Amino acid sequence: MAKKKILVVDDDVELLSIMKLDLAFDSVFEVIACADPFSALEKVITDDIALVLTDFHMPGMNGGELLENIRIKKPGLPVFLFSIYYDDEAIPKHVRDKVDAIVSKPIEHEKLKNLILKTLQV
């Protein structure tokens, strides 16, 4: 059985390294880390991605803009947004309405793992 691919997008490369190690639990998932949202969008288009986890605040294209592009290219793909601004006005309502889940930073990894397992029905 092929591993499901999770794409993690954040301009913080240290957080990417931690997330990559943490999410590769039980060898169920292949975790792809991407520091650039434009490259991440290309991976969504070309790779068989099962779920995207993206930061909201990133230079060039924020997580909301990445979400909008993903919804155009792969409408049913689950997208989780993580941010230090969980219910803040910094995340516009139209973004909160379209994202599958918002995960607040600091990330509670066990809670995130359970949410991923439930979403992907693994």
PDB file of N, CA and C in Angstrom:
ATOM      1  N   MET A   1       0.842  -1.185   0.000  1.00  0.00           N
ATOM      2  CA  MET A   1       0.000   0.000   0.000  1.00  0.00           C
ATOM      3  C   MET A   1       0.885   1.247   0.000  1.00  0.00           C
ATOM      4  N   ALA A   2       0.620   2.145  -0.912  1.00  0.00           N
ATOM      5  CA  ALA A   2       1.410   3.371  -1.016  1.00  0.00           C
ATOM      6  C   ALA A   2       1.102   4.305   0.141  1.00  0.00           C
ATOM      7  N   LYS A   3       2.132   4.993   0.574  1.00  0.00           N
ATOM      8  CA  LYS A   3       1.945   5.965   1.650  1.00  0.00           C
ATOM      9  C   LYS A   3       1.198   7.179   1.116  1.00  0.00           C
ATOM     10  N   LYS A   4       0.330   7.746   1.952  1.00  0.00           N
ATOM     11  CA  LYS A   4      -0.348   8.982   1.580  1.00  0.00           C
ATOM     12  C   LYS A   4       0.632  10.135   1.779  1.00  0.00           C
ATOM     13  N   LYS A   5       0.611  11.074   0.836  1.00  0.00           N
ATOM     14  CA  LYS A   5       1.537  12.202   0.885  1.00  0.00           C
ATOM     15  C   LYS A   5       0.887  13.407   1.556  1.00  0.00           C
ATOM     16  N   ILE A   6       1.601  13.936   2.543  1.00  0.00           N
ATOM     17  CA  ILE A   6       1.191  15.163   3.212  1.00  0.00           C
ATOM     18  C   ILE A   6       2.194  16.240   2.819  1.00  0.00           C
ATOM     19  N   LEU A   7       1.691  17.354   2.341  1.00  0.00           N
ATOM     20  CA  LEU A   7       2.534  18.487   1.967  1.00  0.00           C
ATOM     21  C   LEU A   7       2.454  19.526   3.072  1.00  0.00           C
ATOM     22  N   VAL A   8       3.602  19.863   3.663  1.00  0.00           N
ATOM     23  CA  VAL A   8       3.675  20.881   4.708  1.00  0.00           C
ATOM     24  C   VAL A   8       4.360  22.106   4.120  1.00  0.00           C
ATOM     25  N   VAL A   9       3.695  23.261   4.239  1.00  0.00           N
ATOM     26  CA  VAL A   9       4.198  24.491   3.628  1.00  0.00           C
ATOM     27  C   VAL A   9       4.376  25.551   4.711  1.00  0.00           C
ATOM     28  N   ASP A  10       5.599  26.028   4.856  1.00  0.00           N
ATOM     29  CA  ASP A  10       5.892  27.087   5.832  1.00  0.00           C
ATOM     30  C   ASP A  10       7.230  27.704   5.461  1.00  0.00           C
ATOM     31  N   ASP A  11       7.326  29.022   5.568  1.00  0.00           N
ATOM     32  CA  ASP A  11       8.593  29.679   5.263  1.00  0.00           C
ATOM     33  C   ASP A  11       9.610  29.522   6.387  1.00  0.00           C
ATOM     34  N   ASP A  12       9.201  28.981   7.533  1.00  0.00           N
ATOM     35  CA  ASP A  12      10.089  28.713   8.657  1.00  0.00           C
ATOM     36  C   ASP A  12      10.681  27.316   8.471  1.00  0.00           C
ATOM     37  N   VAL A  13      11.919  27.242   7.971  1.00  0.00           N
ATOM     38  CA  VAL A  13      12.517  25.945   7.641  1.00  0.00           C
ATOM     39  C   VAL A  13      12.755  25.086   8.883  1.00  0.00           C
ATOM     40  N   GLU A  14      12.967  25.708  10.018  1.00  0.00           N
ATOM     41  CA  GLU A  14      13.137  24.938  11.258  1.00  0.00           C
ATOM     42  C   GLU A  14      11.836  24.214  11.614  1.00  0.00           C
ATOM     43  N   LEU A  15      10.724  24.927  11.517  1.00  0.00           N
ATOM     44  CA  LEU A  15       9.422  24.309  11.784  1.00  0.00           C
ATOM     45  C   LEU A  15       9.143  23.198  10.763  1.00  0.00           C
ATOM     46  N   LEU A  16       9.511  23.419   9.520  1.00  0.00           N
ATOM     47  CA  LEU A  16       9.334  22.389   8.496  1.00  0.00           C
ATOM     48  C   LEU A  16      10.058  21.098   8.868  1.00  0.00           C
ATOM     49  N   SER A  17      11.279  21.226   9.351  1.00  0.00           N
ATOM     50  CA  SER A  17      12.056  20.043   9.742  1.00  0.00           C
ATOM     51  C   SER A  17      11.374  19.292  10.880  1.00  0.00           C
ATOM     52  N   ILE A  18      10.890  20.035  11.861  1.00  0.00           N
ATOM     53  CA  ILE A  18      10.203  19.425  12.997  1.00  0.00           C
ATOM     54  C   ILE A  18       8.922  18.738  12.537  1.00  0.00           C
ATOM     55  N   MET A  19       8.143  19.431  11.720  1.00  0.00           N
ATOM     56  CA  MET A  19       6.879  18.873  11.236  1.00  0.00           C
ATOM     57  C   MET A  19       7.132  17.621  10.398  1.00  0.00           C
ATOM     58  N   LYS A  20       8.154  17.655   9.582  1.00  0.00           N
ATOM     59  CA  LYS A  20       8.452  16.510   8.721  1.00  0.00           C
ATOM     60  C   LYS A  20       8.768  15.275   9.560  1.00  0.00           C
ATOM     61  N   LEU A  21       9.584  15.454  10.574  1.00  0.00           N
ATOM     62  CA  LEU A  21       9.918  14.334  11.455  1.00  0.00           C
ATOM     63  C   LEU A  21       8.699  13.871  12.245  1.00  0.00           C
ATOM     64  N   ASP A  22       7.935  14.802  12.761  1.00  0.00           N
ATOM     65  CA  ASP A  22       6.814  14.469  13.627  1.00  0.00           C
ATOM     66  C   ASP A  22       5.671  13.791  12.880  1.00  0.00           C
ATOM     67  N   LEU A  23       5.420  14.190  11.644  1.00  0.00           N
ATOM     68  CA  LEU A  23       4.283  13.656  10.898  1.00  0.00           C
ATOM     69  C   LEU A  23       4.574  12.339  10.179  1.00  0.00           C
ATOM     70  N   ALA A  24       5.808  11.929  10.158  1.00  0.00           N
ATOM     71  CA  ALA A  24       6.150  10.672   9.502  1.00  0.00           C
ATOM     72  C   ALA A  24       5.936   9.502  10.468  1.00  0.00           C
ATOM     73  N   PHE A  25       4.914   9.617  11.308  1.00  0.00           N
ATOM     74  CA  PHE A  25       4.655   8.607  12.322  1.00  0.00           C
ATOM     75  C   PHE A  25       4.150   7.304  11.716  1.00  0.00           C
ATOM     76  N   ASP A  26       4.579   6.209  12.328  1.00  0.00           N
ATOM     77  CA  ASP A  26       4.140   4.865  11.936  1.00  0.00           C
ATOM     78  C   ASP A  26       4.326   4.569  10.453  1.00  0.00           C
ATOM     79  N   SER A  27       5.149   5.299   9.780  1.00  0.00           N
ATOM     80  CA  SER A  27       5.406   5.099   8.349  1.00  0.00           C
ATOM     81  C   SER A  27       4.135   5.081   7.509  1.00  0.00           C
ATOM     82  N   VAL A  28       3.092   5.747   7.989  1.00  0.00           N
ATOM     83  CA  VAL A  28       1.821   5.797   7.276  1.00  0.00           C
ATOM     84  C   VAL A  28       1.867   6.848   6.177  1.00  0.00           C
ATOM     85  N   PHE A  29       2.618   7.926   6.430  1.00  0.00           N
ATOM     86  CA  PHE A  29       2.629   9.054   5.512  1.00  0.00           C
ATOM     87  C   PHE A  29       4.015   9.333   4.979  1.00  0.00           C
ATOM     88  N   GLU A  30       4.045   9.862   3.781  1.00  0.00           N
ATOM     89  CA  GLU A  30       5.253  10.467   3.236  1.00  0.00           C
ATOM     90  C   GLU A  30       5.048  11.964   3.391  1.00  0.00           C
ATOM     91  N   VAL A  31       5.954  12.616   4.086  1.00  0.00           N
ATOM     92  CA  VAL A  31       5.811  14.048   4.352  1.00  0.00           C
ATOM     93  C   VAL A  31       6.756  14.813   3.435  1.00  0.00           C
ATOM     94  N   ILE A  32       6.178  15.734   2.678  1.00  0.00           N
ATOM     95  CA  ILE A  32       6.945  16.579   1.775  1.00  0.00           C
ATOM     96  C   ILE A  32       6.938  17.982   2.363  1.00  0.00           C
ATOM     97  N   ALA A  33       8.116  18.532   2.602  1.00  0.00           N
ATOM     98  CA  ALA A  33       8.244  19.866   3.172  1.00  0.00           C
ATOM     99  C   ALA A  33       8.571  20.864   2.072  1.00  0.00           C
ATOM    100  N   CYS A  34       7.924  22.012   2.131  1.00  0.00           N
ATOM    101  CA  CYS A  34       8.121  23.028   1.106  1.00  0.00           C
ATOM    102  C   CYS A  34       8.119  24.412   1.765  1.00  0.00           C
ATOM    103  N   ALA A  35       9.196  25.172   1.573  1.00  0.00           N
ATOM    104  CA  ALA A  35       9.300  26.490   2.180  1.00  0.00           C
ATOM    105  C   ALA A  35       8.732  27.597   1.301  1.00  0.00           C
ATOM    106  N   ASP A  36       8.388  27.267   0.079  1.00  0.00           N
ATOM    107  CA  ASP A  36       7.913  28.255  -0.879  1.00  0.00           C
ATOM    108  C   ASP A  36       6.497  27.896  -1.338  1.00  0.00           C
ATOM    109  N   PRO A  37       5.518  28.774  -1.123  1.00  0.00           N
ATOM    110  CA  PRO A  37       4.145  28.438  -1.515  1.00  0.00           C
ATOM    111  C   PRO A  37       3.961  28.229  -3.017  1.00  0.00           C
ATOM    112  N   PHE A  38       4.754  28.882  -3.843  1.00  0.00           N
ATOM    113  CA  PHE A  38       4.648  28.688  -5.291  1.00  0.00           C
ATOM    114  C   PHE A  38       5.098  27.280  -5.686  1.00  0.00           C
ATOM    115  N   SER A  39       6.184  26.819  -5.088  1.00  0.00           N
ATOM    116  CA  SER A  39       6.639  25.443  -5.317  1.00  0.00           C
ATOM    117  C   SER A  39       5.631  24.445  -4.753  1.00  0.00           C
ATOM    118  N   ALA A  40       5.033  24.788  -3.635  1.00  0.00           N
ATOM    119  CA  ALA A  40       4.024  23.922  -3.023  1.00  0.00           C
ATOM    120  C   ALA A  40       2.831  23.746  -3.959  1.00  0.00           C
ATOM    121  N   LEU A  41       2.387  24.825  -4.575  1.00  0.00           N
ATOM    122  CA  LEU A  41       1.264  24.740  -5.507  1.00  0.00           C
ATOM    123  C   LEU A  41       1.620  23.838  -6.690  1.00  0.00           C
ATOM    124  N   GLU A  42       2.840  23.924  -7.157  1.00  0.00           N
ATOM    125  CA  GLU A  42       3.290  23.058  -8.249  1.00  0.00           C
ATOM    126  C   GLU A  42       3.243  21.592  -7.819  1.00  0.00           C
ATOM    127  N   LYS A  43       3.649  21.310  -6.573  1.00  0.00           N
ATOM    128  CA  LYS A  43       3.599  19.932  -6.067  1.00  0.00           C
ATOM    129  C   LYS A  43       2.163  19.440  -5.956  1.00  0.00           C
ATOM    130  N   VAL A  44       1.244  20.312  -5.571  1.00  0.00           N
ATOM    131  CA  VAL A  44      -0.173  19.943  -5.499  1.00  0.00           C
ATOM    132  C   VAL A  44      -0.667  19.516  -6.877  1.00  0.00           C
ATOM    133  N   ILE A  45      -0.221  20.230  -7.895  1.00  0.00           N
ATOM    134  CA  ILE A  45      -0.655  19.944  -9.265  1.00  0.00           C
ATOM    135  C   ILE A  45      -0.015  18.670  -9.806  1.00  0.00           C
ATOM    136  N   THR A  46       1.268  18.456  -9.524  1.00  0.00           N
ATOM    137  CA  THR A  46       2.004  17.357 -10.157  1.00  0.00           C
ATOM    138  C   THR A  46       2.080  16.076  -9.332  1.00  0.00           C
ATOM    139  N   ASP A  47       1.992  16.173  -8.000  1.00  0.00           N
ATOM    140  CA  ASP A  47       2.126  15.000  -7.135  1.00  0.00           C
ATOM    141  C   ASP A  47       0.755  14.542  -6.648  1.00  0.00           C
ATOM    142  N   ASP A  48       0.692  13.344  -6.156  1.00  0.00           N
ATOM    143  CA  ASP A  48      -0.548  12.797  -5.608  1.00  0.00           C
ATOM    144  C   ASP A  48      -0.612  13.126  -4.115  1.00  0.00           C
ATOM    145  N   ILE A  49      -0.905  14.381  -3.809  1.00  0.00           N
ATOM    146  CA  ILE A  49      -0.945  14.873  -2.432  1.00  0.00           C
ATOM    147  C   ILE A  49      -2.305  14.524  -1.820  1.00  0.00           C
ATOM    148  N   ALA A  50      -2.290  14.007  -0.581  1.00  0.00           N
ATOM    149  CA  ALA A  50      -3.533  13.636   0.108  1.00  0.00           C
ATOM    150  C   ALA A  50      -4.045  14.746   1.017  1.00  0.00           C
ATOM    151  N   LEU A  51      -3.125  15.597   1.507  1.00  0.00           N
ATOM    152  CA  LEU A  51      -3.500  16.651   2.450  1.00  0.00           C
ATOM    153  C   LEU A  51      -2.420  17.722   2.453  1.00  0.00           C
ATOM    154  N   VAL A  52      -2.831  18.976   2.592  1.00  0.00           N
ATOM    155  CA  VAL A  52      -1.880  20.091   2.676  1.00  0.00           C
ATOM    156  C   VAL A  52      -2.027  20.757   4.038  1.00  0.00           C
ATOM    157  N   LEU A  53      -0.894  20.975   4.682  1.00  0.00           N
ATOM    158  CA  LEU A  53      -0.827  21.770   5.904  1.00  0.00           C
ATOM    159  C   LEU A  53      -0.032  23.014   5.552  1.00  0.00           C
ATOM    160  N   THR A  54      -0.631  24.186   5.692  1.00  0.00           N
ATOM    161  CA  THR A  54       0.083  25.398   5.311  1.00  0.00           C
ATOM    162  C   THR A  54       0.000  26.470   6.373  1.00  0.00           C
ATOM    163  N   ASP A  55       1.072  27.200   6.501  1.00  0.00           N
ATOM    164  CA  ASP A  55       1.090  28.368   7.366  1.00  0.00           C
ATOM    165  C   ASP A  55       0.262  29.458   6.688  1.00  0.00           C
ATOM    166  N   PHE A  56      -0.249  30.390   7.481  1.00  0.00           N
ATOM    167  CA  PHE A  56      -1.004  31.490   6.889  1.00  0.00           C
ATOM    168  C   PHE A  56      -0.078  32.614   6.437  1.00  0.00           C
ATOM    169  N   HIS A  57       0.812  33.052   7.322  1.00  0.00           N
ATOM    170  CA  HIS A  57       1.682  34.191   7.013  1.00  0.00           C
ATOM    171  C   HIS A  57       2.968  33.727   6.347  1.00  0.00           C
ATOM    172  N   MET A  58       3.057  33.984   5.033  1.00  0.00           N
ATOM    173  CA  MET A  58       4.256  33.662   4.266  1.00  0.00           C
ATOM    174  C   MET A  58       4.469  34.762   3.235  1.00  0.00           C
ATOM    175  N   PRO A  59       5.719  35.039   2.898  1.00  0.00           N
ATOM    176  CA  PRO A  59       5.974  36.058   1.875  1.00  0.00           C
ATOM    177  C   PRO A  59       5.627  35.557   0.476  1.00  0.00           C
ATOM    178  N   GLY A  60       5.213  36.479  -0.368  1.00  0.00           N
ATOM    179  CA  GLY A  60       4.919  36.140  -1.760  1.00  0.00           C
ATOM    180  C   GLY A  60       3.499  35.686  -1.986  1.00  0.00           C
ATOM    181  N   MET A  61       3.083  34.661  -1.264  1.00  0.00           N
ATOM    182  CA  MET A  61       1.717  34.137  -1.347  1.00  0.00           C
ATOM    183  C   MET A  61       1.376  33.617   0.052  1.00  0.00           C
ATOM    184  N   ASN A  62       0.356  34.189   0.676  1.00  0.00           N
ATOM    185  CA  ASN A  62       0.014  33.704   2.009  1.00  0.00           C
ATOM    186  C   ASN A  62      -0.804  32.420   1.921  1.00  0.00           C
ATOM    187  N   GLY A  63      -1.059  31.815   3.067  1.00  0.00           N
ATOM    188  CA  GLY A  63      -1.789  30.555   3.103  1.00  0.00           C
ATOM    189  C   GLY A  63      -3.194  30.651   2.535  1.00  0.00           C
ATOM    190  N   GLY A  64      -3.830  31.799   2.700  1.00  0.00           N
ATOM    191  CA  GLY A  64      -5.166  31.998   2.137  1.00  0.00           C
ATOM    192  C   GLY A  64      -5.139  31.998   0.616  1.00  0.00           C
ATOM    193  N   GLU A  65      -4.135  32.645   0.048  1.00  0.00           N
ATOM    194  CA  GLU A  65      -3.990  32.667  -1.411  1.00  0.00           C
ATOM    195  C   GLU A  65      -3.625  31.280  -1.943  1.00  0.00           C
ATOM    196  N   LEU A  66      -2.775  30.571  -1.197  1.00  0.00           N
ATOM    197  CA  LEU A  66      -2.439  29.204  -1.578  1.00  0.00           C
ATOM    198  C   LEU A  66      -3.701  28.341  -1.540  1.00  0.00           C
ATOM    199  N   LEU A  67      -4.496  28.492  -0.510  1.00  0.00           N
ATOM    200  CA  LEU A  67      -5.765  27.760  -0.395  1.00  0.00           C
ATOM    201  C   LEU A  67      -6.664  28.025  -1.598  1.00  0.00           C
ATOM    202  N   GLU A  68      -6.809  29.296  -1.973  1.00  0.00           N
ATOM    203  CA  GLU A  68      -7.652  29.651  -3.130  1.00  0.00           C
ATOM    204  C   GLU A  68      -7.161  28.951  -4.399  1.00  0.00           C
ATOM    205  N   ASN A  69      -5.854  28.941  -4.604  1.00  0.00           N
ATOM    206  CA  ASN A  69      -5.283  28.278  -5.781  1.00  0.00           C
ATOM    207  C   ASN A  69      -5.469  26.770  -5.735  1.00  0.00           C
ATOM    208  N   ILE A  70      -5.334  26.191  -4.558  1.00  0.00           N
ATOM    209  CA  ILE A  70      -5.555  24.750  -4.415  1.00  0.00           C
ATOM    210  C   ILE A  70      -7.005  24.413  -4.714  1.00  0.00           C
ATOM    211  N   ARG A  71      -7.943  25.231  -4.241  1.00  0.00           N
ATOM    212  CA  ARG A  71      -9.368  24.983  -4.472  1.00  0.00           C
ATOM    213  C   ARG A  71      -9.700  25.016  -5.972  1.00  0.00           C
ATOM    214  N   ILE A  72      -8.946  25.813  -6.740  1.00  0.00           N
ATOM    215  CA  ILE A  72      -9.145  25.860  -8.193  1.00  0.00           C
ATOM    216  C   ILE A  72      -8.551  24.608  -8.853  1.00  0.00           C
ATOM    217  N   LYS A  73      -7.332  24.242  -8.455  1.00  0.00           N
ATOM    218  CA  LYS A  73      -6.611  23.141  -9.100  1.00  0.00           C
ATOM    219  C   LYS A  73      -7.063  21.760  -8.620  1.00  0.00           C
ATOM    220  N   LYS A  74      -7.328  21.629  -7.314  1.00  0.00           N
ATOM    221  CA  LYS A  74      -7.711  20.346  -6.697  1.00  0.00           C
ATOM    222  C   LYS A  74      -8.812  20.615  -5.669  1.00  0.00           C
ATOM    223  N   PRO A  75     -10.038  20.818  -6.113  1.00  0.00           N
ATOM    224  CA  PRO A  75     -11.133  21.259  -5.232  1.00  0.00           C
ATOM    225  C   PRO A  75     -11.391  20.399  -4.000  1.00  0.00           C
ATOM    226  N   GLY A  76     -11.219  19.105  -4.065  1.00  0.00           N
ATOM    227  CA  GLY A  76     -11.542  18.254  -2.923  1.00  0.00           C
ATOM    228  C   GLY A  76     -10.392  17.975  -1.978  1.00  0.00           C
ATOM    229  N   LEU A  77      -9.223  18.528  -2.261  1.00  0.00           N
ATOM    230  CA  LEU A  77      -8.037  18.257  -1.449  1.00  0.00           C
ATOM    231  C   LEU A  77      -8.162  18.912  -0.073  1.00  0.00           C
ATOM    232  N   PRO A  78      -8.054  18.132   1.017  1.00  0.00           N
ATOM    233  CA  PRO A  78      -8.117  18.732   2.351  1.00  0.00           C
ATOM    234  C   PRO A  78      -6.927  19.662   2.599  1.00  0.00           C
ATOM    235  N   VAL A  79      -7.237  20.834   3.158  1.00  0.00           N
ATOM    236  CA  VAL A  79      -6.211  21.826   3.481  1.00  0.00           C
ATOM    237  C   VAL A  79      -6.403  22.266   4.923  1.00  0.00           C
ATOM    238  N   PHE A  80      -5.341  22.150   5.718  1.00  0.00           N
ATOM    239  CA  PHE A  80      -5.329  22.668   7.086  1.00  0.00           C
ATOM    240  C   PHE A  80      -4.447  23.903   7.084  1.00  0.00           C
ATOM    241  N   LEU A  81      -4.877  24.902   7.806  1.00  0.00           N
ATOM    242  CA  LEU A  81      -4.140  26.153   7.924  1.00  0.00           C
ATOM    243  C   LEU A  81      -3.630  26.266   9.345  1.00  0.00           C
ATOM    244  N   PHE A  82      -2.349  26.577   9.513  1.00  0.00           N
ATOM    245  CA  PHE A  82      -1.890  26.827  10.864  1.00  0.00           C
ATOM    246  C   PHE A  82      -1.357  28.241  10.987  1.00  0.00           C
ATOM    247  N   SER A  83      -1.660  28.808  12.157  1.00  0.00           N
ATOM    248  CA  SER A  83      -1.326  30.209  12.394  1.00  0.00           C
ATOM    249  C   SER A  83      -1.332  30.501  13.885  1.00  0.00           C
ATOM    250  N   ILE A  84      -0.596  31.522  14.268  1.00  0.00           N
ATOM    251  CA  ILE A  84      -0.688  31.978  15.655  1.00  0.00           C
ATOM    252  C   ILE A  84      -1.976  32.762  15.857  1.00  0.00           C
ATOM    253  N   TYR A  85      -2.639  33.111  14.758  1.00  0.00           N
ATOM    254  CA  TYR A  85      -3.882  33.881  14.805  1.00  0.00           C
ATOM    255  C   TYR A  85      -5.064  32.967  14.564  1.00  0.00           C
ATOM    256  N   TYR A  86      -5.488  32.213  15.580  1.00  0.00           N
ATOM    257  CA  TYR A  86      -6.538  31.220  15.371  1.00  0.00           C
ATOM    258  C   TYR A  86      -7.879  31.847  15.001  1.00  0.00           C
ATOM    259  N   ASP A  87      -8.410  32.725  15.824  1.00  0.00           N
ATOM    260  CA  ASP A  87      -9.713  33.336  15.551  1.00  0.00           C
ATOM    261  C   ASP A  87      -9.592  34.824  15.267  1.00  0.00           C
ATOM    262  N   ASP A  88      -8.415  35.250  14.960  1.00  0.00           N
ATOM    263  CA  ASP A  88      -8.145  36.667  14.771  1.00  0.00           C
ATOM    264  C   ASP A  88      -8.645  37.140  13.418  1.00  0.00           C
ATOM    265  N   GLU A  89      -8.882  38.413  13.313  1.00  0.00           N
ATOM    266  CA  GLU A  89      -9.282  39.008  12.036  1.00  0.00           C
ATOM    267  C   GLU A  89      -8.165  38.941  11.001  1.00  0.00           C
ATOM    268  N   ALA A  90      -6.956  38.546  11.430  1.00  0.00           N
ATOM    269  CA  ALA A  90      -5.844  38.418  10.485  1.00  0.00           C
ATOM    270  C   ALA A  90      -6.116  37.319   9.461  1.00  0.00           C
ATOM    271  N   ILE A  91      -6.956  36.357   9.811  1.00  0.00           N
ATOM    272  CA  ILE A  91      -7.375  35.336   8.855  1.00  0.00           C
ATOM    273  C   ILE A  91      -8.784  35.717   8.403  1.00  0.00           C
ATOM    274  N   PRO A  92      -8.926  36.174   7.173  1.00  0.00           N
ATOM    275  CA  PRO A  92     -10.234  36.617   6.698  1.00  0.00           C
ATOM    276  C   PRO A  92     -11.288  35.514   6.751  1.00  0.00           C
ATOM    277  N   LYS A  93     -12.520  35.914   6.932  1.00  0.00           N
ATOM    278  CA  LYS A  93     -13.631  34.975   7.052  1.00  0.00           C
ATOM    279  C   LYS A  93     -13.738  34.062   5.825  1.00  0.00           C
ATOM    280  N   HIS A  94     -13.530  34.616   4.623  1.00  0.00           N
ATOM    281  CA  HIS A  94     -13.652  33.780   3.426  1.00  0.00           C
ATOM    282  C   HIS A  94     -12.598  32.669   3.404  1.00  0.00           C
ATOM    283  N   VAL A  95     -11.461  32.899   4.058  1.00  0.00           N
ATOM    284  CA  VAL A  95     -10.436  31.863   4.162  1.00  0.00           C
ATOM    285  C   VAL A  95     -10.856  30.844   5.215  1.00  0.00           C
ATOM    286  N   ARG A  96     -11.305  31.324   6.379  1.00  0.00           N
ATOM    287  CA  ARG A  96     -11.749  30.413   7.440  1.00  0.00           C
ATOM    288  C   ARG A  96     -12.893  29.521   6.953  1.00  0.00           C
ATOM    289  N   ASP A  97     -13.754  30.053   6.098  1.00  0.00           N
ATOM    290  CA  ASP A  97     -14.897  29.286   5.593  1.00  0.00           C
ATOM    291  C   ASP A  97     -14.498  28.183   4.605  1.00  0.00           C
ATOM    292  N   LYS A  98     -13.362  28.342   3.932  1.00  0.00           N
ATOM    293  CA  LYS A  98     -12.966  27.386   2.885  1.00  0.00           C
ATOM    294  C   LYS A  98     -11.948  26.348   3.351  1.00  0.00           C
ATOM    295  N   VAL A  99     -11.296  26.604   4.463  1.00  0.00           N
ATOM    296  CA  VAL A  99     -10.255  25.689   4.928  1.00  0.00           C
ATOM    297  C   VAL A  99     -10.908  24.538   5.701  1.00  0.00           C
ATOM    298  N   ASP A 100     -10.297  23.363   5.656  1.00  0.00           N
ATOM    299  CA  ASP A 100     -10.855  22.192   6.335  1.00  0.00           C
ATOM    300  C   ASP A 100     -10.630  22.226   7.841  1.00  0.00           C
ATOM    301  N   ALA A 101      -9.532  22.839   8.268  1.00  0.00           N
ATOM    302  CA  ALA A 101      -9.253  22.962   9.703  1.00  0.00           C
ATOM    303  C   ALA A 101      -8.249  24.083   9.907  1.00  0.00           C
ATOM    304  N   ILE A 102      -8.365  24.729  11.066  1.00  0.00           N
ATOM    305  CA  ILE A 102      -7.371  25.721  11.474  1.00  0.00           C
ATOM    306  C   ILE A 102      -6.688  25.167  12.710  1.00  0.00           C
ATOM    307  N   VAL A 103      -5.368  25.107  12.652  1.00  0.00           N
ATOM    308  CA  VAL A 103      -4.565  24.582  13.740  1.00  0.00           C
ATOM    309  C   VAL A 103      -3.751  25.738  14.305  1.00  0.00           C
ATOM    310  N   SER A 104      -3.908  25.973  15.593  1.00  0.00           N
ATOM    311  CA  SER A 104      -3.204  27.114  16.175  1.00  0.00           C
ATOM    312  C   SER A 104      -1.768  26.741  16.527  1.00  0.00           C
ATOM    313  N   LYS A 105      -0.903  27.723  16.404  1.00  0.00           N
ATOM    314  CA  LYS A 105       0.490  27.591  16.835  1.00  0.00           C
ATOM    315  C   LYS A 105       0.572  28.114  18.267  1.00  0.00           C
ATOM    316  N   PRO A 106       1.324  27.542  19.146  1.00  0.00           N
ATOM    317  CA  PRO A 106       2.146  26.363  18.915  1.00  0.00           C
ATOM    318  C   PRO A 106       1.264  25.143  18.660  1.00  0.00           C
ATOM    319  N   ILE A 107       1.752  24.296  17.808  1.00  0.00           N
ATOM    320  CA  ILE A 107       0.991  23.143  17.343  1.00  0.00           C
ATOM    321  C   ILE A 107       1.018  22.029  18.389  1.00  0.00           C
ATOM    322  N   GLU A 108      -0.156  21.529  18.730  1.00  0.00           N
ATOM    323  CA  GLU A 108      -0.273  20.359  19.595  1.00  0.00           C
ATOM    324  C   GLU A 108      -0.201  19.148  18.667  1.00  0.00           C
ATOM    325  N   HIS A 109       0.959  18.536  18.603  1.00  0.00           N
ATOM    326  CA  HIS A 109       1.221  17.520  17.594  1.00  0.00           C
ATOM    327  C   HIS A 109       0.293  16.304  17.694  1.00  0.00           C
ATOM    328  N   GLU A 110      -0.022  15.864  18.896  1.00  0.00           N
ATOM    329  CA  GLU A 110      -0.910  14.701  19.038  1.00  0.00           C
ATOM    330  C   GLU A 110      -2.307  15.021  18.515  1.00  0.00           C
ATOM    331  N   LYS A 111      -2.772  16.218  18.798  1.00  0.00           N
ATOM    332  CA  LYS A 111      -4.081  16.655  18.311  1.00  0.00           C
ATOM    333  C   LYS A 111      -4.074  16.737  16.771  1.00  0.00           C
ATOM    334  N   LEU A 112      -2.983  17.262  16.218  1.00  0.00           N
ATOM    335  CA  LEU A 112      -2.849  17.363  14.765  1.00  0.00           C
ATOM    336  C   LEU A 112      -2.827  15.977  14.125  1.00  0.00           C
ATOM    337  N   LYS A 113      -2.072  15.059  14.701  1.00  0.00           N
ATOM    338  CA  LYS A 113      -2.014  13.696  14.169  1.00  0.00           C
ATOM    339  C   LYS A 113      -3.402  13.068  14.126  1.00  0.00           C
ATOM    340  N   ASN A 114      -4.153  13.217  15.215  1.00  0.00           N
ATOM    341  CA  ASN A 114      -5.497  12.644  15.260  1.00  0.00           C
ATOM    342  C   ASN A 114      -6.412  13.270  14.212  1.00  0.00           C
ATOM    343  N   LEU A 115      -6.290  14.571  14.005  1.00  0.00           N
ATOM    344  CA  LEU A 115      -7.092  15.264  13.009  1.00  0.00           C
ATOM    345  C   LEU A 115      -6.747  14.777  11.589  1.00  0.00           C
ATOM    346  N   ILE A 116      -5.464  14.565  11.340  1.00  0.00           N
ATOM    347  CA  ILE A 116      -5.033  14.066  10.037  1.00  0.00           C
ATOM    348  C   ILE A 116      -5.567  12.649   9.815  1.00  0.00           C
ATOM    349  N   LEU A 117      -5.413  11.786  10.805  1.00  0.00           N
ATOM    350  CA  LEU A 117      -5.886  10.405  10.689  1.00  0.00           C
ATOM    351  C   LEU A 117      -7.387  10.363  10.438  1.00  0.00           C
ATOM    352  N   LYS A 118      -8.126  11.205  11.139  1.00  0.00           N
ATOM    353  CA  LYS A 118      -9.578  11.254  10.963  1.00  0.00           C
ATOM    354  C   LYS A 118      -9.939  11.769   9.566  1.00  0.00           C
ATOM    355  N   THR A 119      -9.282  12.831   9.137  1.00  0.00           N
ATOM    356  CA  THR A 119      -9.575  13.427   7.836  1.00  0.00           C
ATOM    357  C   THR A 119      -9.266  12.466   6.686  1.00  0.00           C
ATOM    358  N   LEU A 120      -8.140  11.777   6.789  1.00  0.00           N
ATOM    359  CA  LEU A 120      -7.720  10.863   5.722  1.00  0.00           C
ATOM    360  C   LEU A 120      -8.257   9.448   5.914  1.00  0.00           C
ATOM    361  N   GLN A 121      -8.973   9.238   6.993  1.00  0.00           N
ATOM    362  CA  GLN A 121      -9.575   7.933   7.306  1.00  0.00           C
ATOM    363  C   GLN A 121      -8.561   6.809   7.224  1.00  0.00           C
ATOM    364  N   VAL A 122      -7.462   7.013   7.921  1.00  0.00           N
ATOM    365  CA  VAL A 122      -6.382   6.014   7.948  1.00  0.00           C
ATOM    366  C   VAL A 122      -6.537   5.169   9.195  1.00  0.00           C
TER     367      VAL A 122
END
